Amino acid sequence: MLPADSRPAIPLDDDDYPAYTMGRAAAMLGTTPAFLRALGEHRLITPLRSEGGHRRYSRYQLRIATRARELVDQGTPIEAACRIIVLEDQLEEAQRINEQLRTRGRESPSDTSA
């Protein structure tokens, strides 16, 4: 057995690590490789490529694809589903930034002695 410091690091906890092949990702989502390709064509997710040129998906990308599949299964066209997800992500980011600014404002009371 190799010593702990000489073993290769395996990014098991890295949501962005491209661990899943297209076939595996499609099977996990209960969809087709064509659906995943369509998400890439609409620029919702961009899989990384292996040295051999094969698409690889991360857990984060699979969560996005799952949301897209939910919307498409409800009858939303794929183009609209992709746009909805982008807007949801932008809204979440804006809310996070607003909360950070509110927190900073509470921590740094303004100078009211003039």
C-alpha atoms as a PDB file:
ATOM      1  CA  MET A   1       0.000   0.000   0.000  1.00  0.00           C
ATOM      2  CA  LEU A   2       1.277   3.489  -0.878  1.00  0.00           C
ATOM      3  CA  PRO A   3       1.847   6.051   1.855  1.00  0.00           C
ATOM      4  CA  ALA A   4      -0.996   8.586   2.130  1.00  0.00           C
ATOM      5  CA  ASP A   5       1.070  11.446   0.719  1.00  0.00           C
ATOM      6  CA  SER A   6       2.122   9.509  -2.417  1.00  0.00           C
ATOM      7  CA  ARG A   7      -1.336   8.258  -3.429  1.00  0.00           C
ATOM      8  CA  PRO A   8      -2.978  10.129  -6.321  1.00  0.00           C
ATOM      9  CA  ALA A   9      -5.583  12.627  -5.203  1.00  0.00           C
ATOM     10  CA  ILE A  10      -9.055  11.523  -6.293  1.00  0.00           C
ATOM     11  CA  PRO A  11     -11.493  14.452  -6.318  1.00  0.00           C
ATOM     12  CA  LEU A  12     -14.459  12.566  -4.863  1.00  0.00           C
ATOM     13  CA  ASP A  13     -15.869  15.677  -3.234  1.00  0.00           C
ATOM     14  CA  ASP A  14     -15.312  17.994  -6.207  1.00  0.00           C
ATOM     15  CA  ASP A  15     -18.676  18.841  -7.800  1.00  0.00           C
ATOM     16  CA  ASP A  16     -16.857  20.215 -10.855  1.00  0.00           C
ATOM     17  CA  TYR A  17     -14.731  17.144 -11.547  1.00  0.00           C
ATOM     18  CA  PRO A  18     -15.766  15.666 -14.930  1.00  0.00           C
ATOM     19  CA  ALA A  19     -16.223  12.104 -13.716  1.00  0.00           C
ATOM     20  CA  TYR A  20     -19.127  10.878 -15.841  1.00  0.00           C
ATOM     21  CA  THR A  21     -19.119   9.767 -19.455  1.00  0.00           C
ATOM     22  CA  MET A  22     -22.003  10.819 -21.655  1.00  0.00           C
ATOM     23  CA  GLY A  23     -23.520   7.339 -21.558  1.00  0.00           C
ATOM     24  CA  ARG A  24     -23.260   7.113 -17.782  1.00  0.00           C
ATOM     25  CA  ALA A  25     -24.638  10.643 -17.318  1.00  0.00           C
ATOM     26  CA  ALA A  26     -27.588   9.927 -19.625  1.00  0.00           C
ATOM     27  CA  ALA A  27     -28.334   6.677 -17.786  1.00  0.00           C
ATOM     28  CA  MET A  28     -28.177   8.410 -14.396  1.00  0.00           C
ATOM     29  CA  LEU A  29     -30.618  11.083 -15.598  1.00  0.00           C
ATOM     30  CA  GLY A  30     -32.883   8.642 -17.408  1.00  0.00           C
ATOM     31  CA  THR A  31     -32.444  10.528 -20.654  1.00  0.00           C
ATOM     32  CA  THR A  32     -30.560  10.145 -23.925  1.00  0.00           C
ATOM     33  CA  PRO A  33     -27.120  11.286 -25.016  1.00  0.00           C
ATOM     34  CA  ALA A  34     -28.936  13.439 -27.603  1.00  0.00           C
ATOM     35  CA  PHE A  35     -30.604  15.374 -24.768  1.00  0.00           C
ATOM     36  CA  LEU A  36     -27.211  16.082 -23.190  1.00  0.00           C
ATOM     37  CA  ARG A  37     -25.824  17.144 -26.575  1.00  0.00           C
ATOM     38  CA  ALA A  38     -28.797  19.501 -26.998  1.00  0.00           C
ATOM     39  CA  LEU A  39     -28.054  21.113 -23.629  1.00  0.00           C
ATOM     40  CA  GLY A  40     -24.522  21.707 -24.880  1.00  0.00           C
ATOM     41  CA  GLU A  41     -25.778  23.149 -28.167  1.00  0.00           C
ATOM     42  CA  HIS A  42     -27.924  25.595 -26.194  1.00  0.00           C
ATOM     43  CA  ARG A  43     -24.883  26.432 -24.054  1.00  0.00           C
ATOM     44  CA  LEU A  44     -26.513  25.422 -20.799  1.00  0.00           C
ATOM     45  CA  ILE A  45     -23.695  23.049 -19.934  1.00  0.00           C
ATOM     46  CA  THR A  46     -20.307  22.611 -21.565  1.00  0.00           C
ATOM     47  CA  PRO A  47     -18.833  19.217 -20.804  1.00  0.00           C
ATOM     48  CA  LEU A  48     -15.097  18.847 -20.613  1.00  0.00           C
ATOM     49  CA  ARG A  49     -13.448  16.557 -23.114  1.00  0.00           C
ATOM     50  CA  SER A  50     -11.251  13.591 -22.347  1.00  0.00           C
ATOM     51  CA  GLU A  51      -7.929  13.217 -24.136  1.00  0.00           C
ATOM     52  CA  GLY A  52      -9.776  11.068 -26.655  1.00  0.00           C
ATOM     53  CA  GLY A  53     -12.375  13.807 -27.240  1.00  0.00           C
ATOM     54  CA  HIS A  54     -15.213  12.180 -25.298  1.00  0.00           C
ATOM     55  CA  ARG A  55     -17.597  14.349 -23.294  1.00  0.00           C
ATOM     56  CA  ARG A  56     -17.267  14.194 -19.504  1.00  0.00           C
ATOM     57  CA  TYR A  57     -19.822  15.623 -17.091  1.00  0.00           C
ATOM     58  CA  SER A  58     -19.510  16.782 -13.499  1.00  0.00           C
ATOM     59  CA  ARG A  59     -22.040  16.335 -10.700  1.00  0.00           C
ATOM     60  CA  TYR A  60     -22.789  20.068 -10.912  1.00  0.00           C
ATOM     61  CA  GLN A  61     -23.571  19.733 -14.623  1.00  0.00           C
ATOM     62  CA  LEU A  62     -25.769  16.716 -13.929  1.00  0.00           C
ATOM     63  CA  ARG A  63     -27.811  18.767 -11.439  1.00  0.00           C
ATOM     64  CA  ILE A  64     -28.328  21.436 -14.107  1.00  0.00           C
ATOM     65  CA  ALA A  65     -29.279  18.774 -16.661  1.00  0.00           C
ATOM     66  CA  THR A  66     -31.734  17.290 -14.147  1.00  0.00           C
ATOM     67  CA  ARG A  67     -33.443  20.666 -13.777  1.00  0.00           C
ATOM     68  CA  ALA A  68     -33.606  21.003 -17.578  1.00  0.00           C
ATOM     69  CA  ARG A  69     -35.127  17.548 -17.865  1.00  0.00           C
ATOM     70  CA  GLU A  70     -37.772  18.423 -15.250  1.00  0.00           C
ATOM     71  CA  LEU A  71     -38.791  21.487 -17.252  1.00  0.00           C
ATOM     72  CA  VAL A  72     -38.808  19.622 -20.572  1.00  0.00           C
ATOM     73  CA  ASP A  73     -40.833  16.788 -19.022  1.00  0.00           C
ATOM     74  CA  GLN A  74     -43.403  19.425 -17.976  1.00  0.00           C
ATOM     75  CA  GLY A  75     -43.741  20.511 -21.606  1.00  0.00           C
ATOM     76  CA  THR A  76     -41.285  23.409 -21.729  1.00  0.00           C
ATOM     77  CA  PRO A  77     -39.351  23.608 -25.026  1.00  0.00           C
ATOM     78  CA  ILE A  78     -35.659  22.885 -24.477  1.00  0.00           C
ATOM     79  CA  GLU A  79     -34.624  26.396 -25.576  1.00  0.00           C
ATOM     80  CA  ALA A  80     -36.961  27.948 -23.003  1.00  0.00           C
ATOM     81  CA  ALA A  81     -35.875  25.477 -20.315  1.00  0.00           C
ATOM     82  CA  CYS A  82     -32.248  26.469 -20.831  1.00  0.00           C
ATOM     83  CA  ARG A  83     -33.117  30.166 -20.613  1.00  0.00           C
ATOM     84  CA  ILE A  84     -35.198  29.618 -17.455  1.00  0.00           C
ATOM     85  CA  ILE A  85     -32.292  27.842 -15.771  1.00  0.00           C
ATOM     86  CA  VAL A  86     -29.851  30.624 -16.689  1.00  0.00           C
ATOM     87  CA  LEU A  87     -32.269  33.216 -15.290  1.00  0.00           C
ATOM     88  CA  GLU A  88     -32.801  31.176 -12.114  1.00  0.00           C
ATOM     89  CA  ASP A  89     -29.035  31.024 -11.646  1.00  0.00           C
ATOM     90  CA  GLN A  90     -28.680  34.782 -12.191  1.00  0.00           C
ATOM     91  CA  LEU A  91     -31.462  35.473  -9.702  1.00  0.00           C
ATOM     92  CA  GLU A  92     -29.843  33.220  -7.096  1.00  0.00           C
ATOM     93  CA  GLU A  93     -26.502  34.993  -7.567  1.00  0.00           C
ATOM     94  CA  ALA A  94     -28.123  38.435  -7.272  1.00  0.00           C
ATOM     95  CA  GLN A  95     -29.895  37.381  -4.086  1.00  0.00           C
ATOM     96  CA  ARG A  96     -26.609  36.084  -2.659  1.00  0.00           C
ATOM     97  CA  ILE A  97     -24.855  39.368  -3.455  1.00  0.00           C
ATOM     98  CA  ASN A  98     -27.726  41.395  -1.955  1.00  0.00           C
ATOM     99  CA  GLU A  99     -27.521  39.369   1.252  1.00  0.00           C
ATOM    100  CA  GLN A 100     -23.764  39.929   1.445  1.00  0.00           C
ATOM    101  CA  LEU A 101     -24.275  43.666   1.019  1.00  0.00           C
ATOM    102  CA  ARG A 102     -27.006  43.714   3.685  1.00  0.00           C
ATOM    103  CA  THR A 103     -24.738  41.825   6.076  1.00  0.00           C
ATOM    104  CA  ARG A 104     -21.888  44.273   5.441  1.00  0.00           C
ATOM    105  CA  GLY A 105     -24.260  47.179   5.998  1.00  0.00           C
ATOM    106  CA  ARG A 106     -25.297  45.793   9.395  1.00  0.00           C
ATOM    107  CA  GLU A 107     -21.666  45.178  10.374  1.00  0.00           C
ATOM    108  CA  SER A 108     -20.547  48.695   9.367  1.00  0.00           C
ATOM    109  CA  PRO A 109     -23.064  51.212  10.729  1.00  0.00           C
ATOM    110  CA  SER A 110     -22.984  54.451   8.799  1.00  0.00           C
ATOM    111  CA  ASP A 111     -21.607  57.571  10.456  1.00  0.00           C
ATOM    112  CA  THR A 112     -24.658  59.573  11.527  1.00  0.00           C
ATOM    113  CA  SER A 113     -22.822  62.096  13.732  1.00  0.00           C
ATOM    114  CA  ALA A 114     -22.471  65.152  11.539  1.00  0.00           C
END
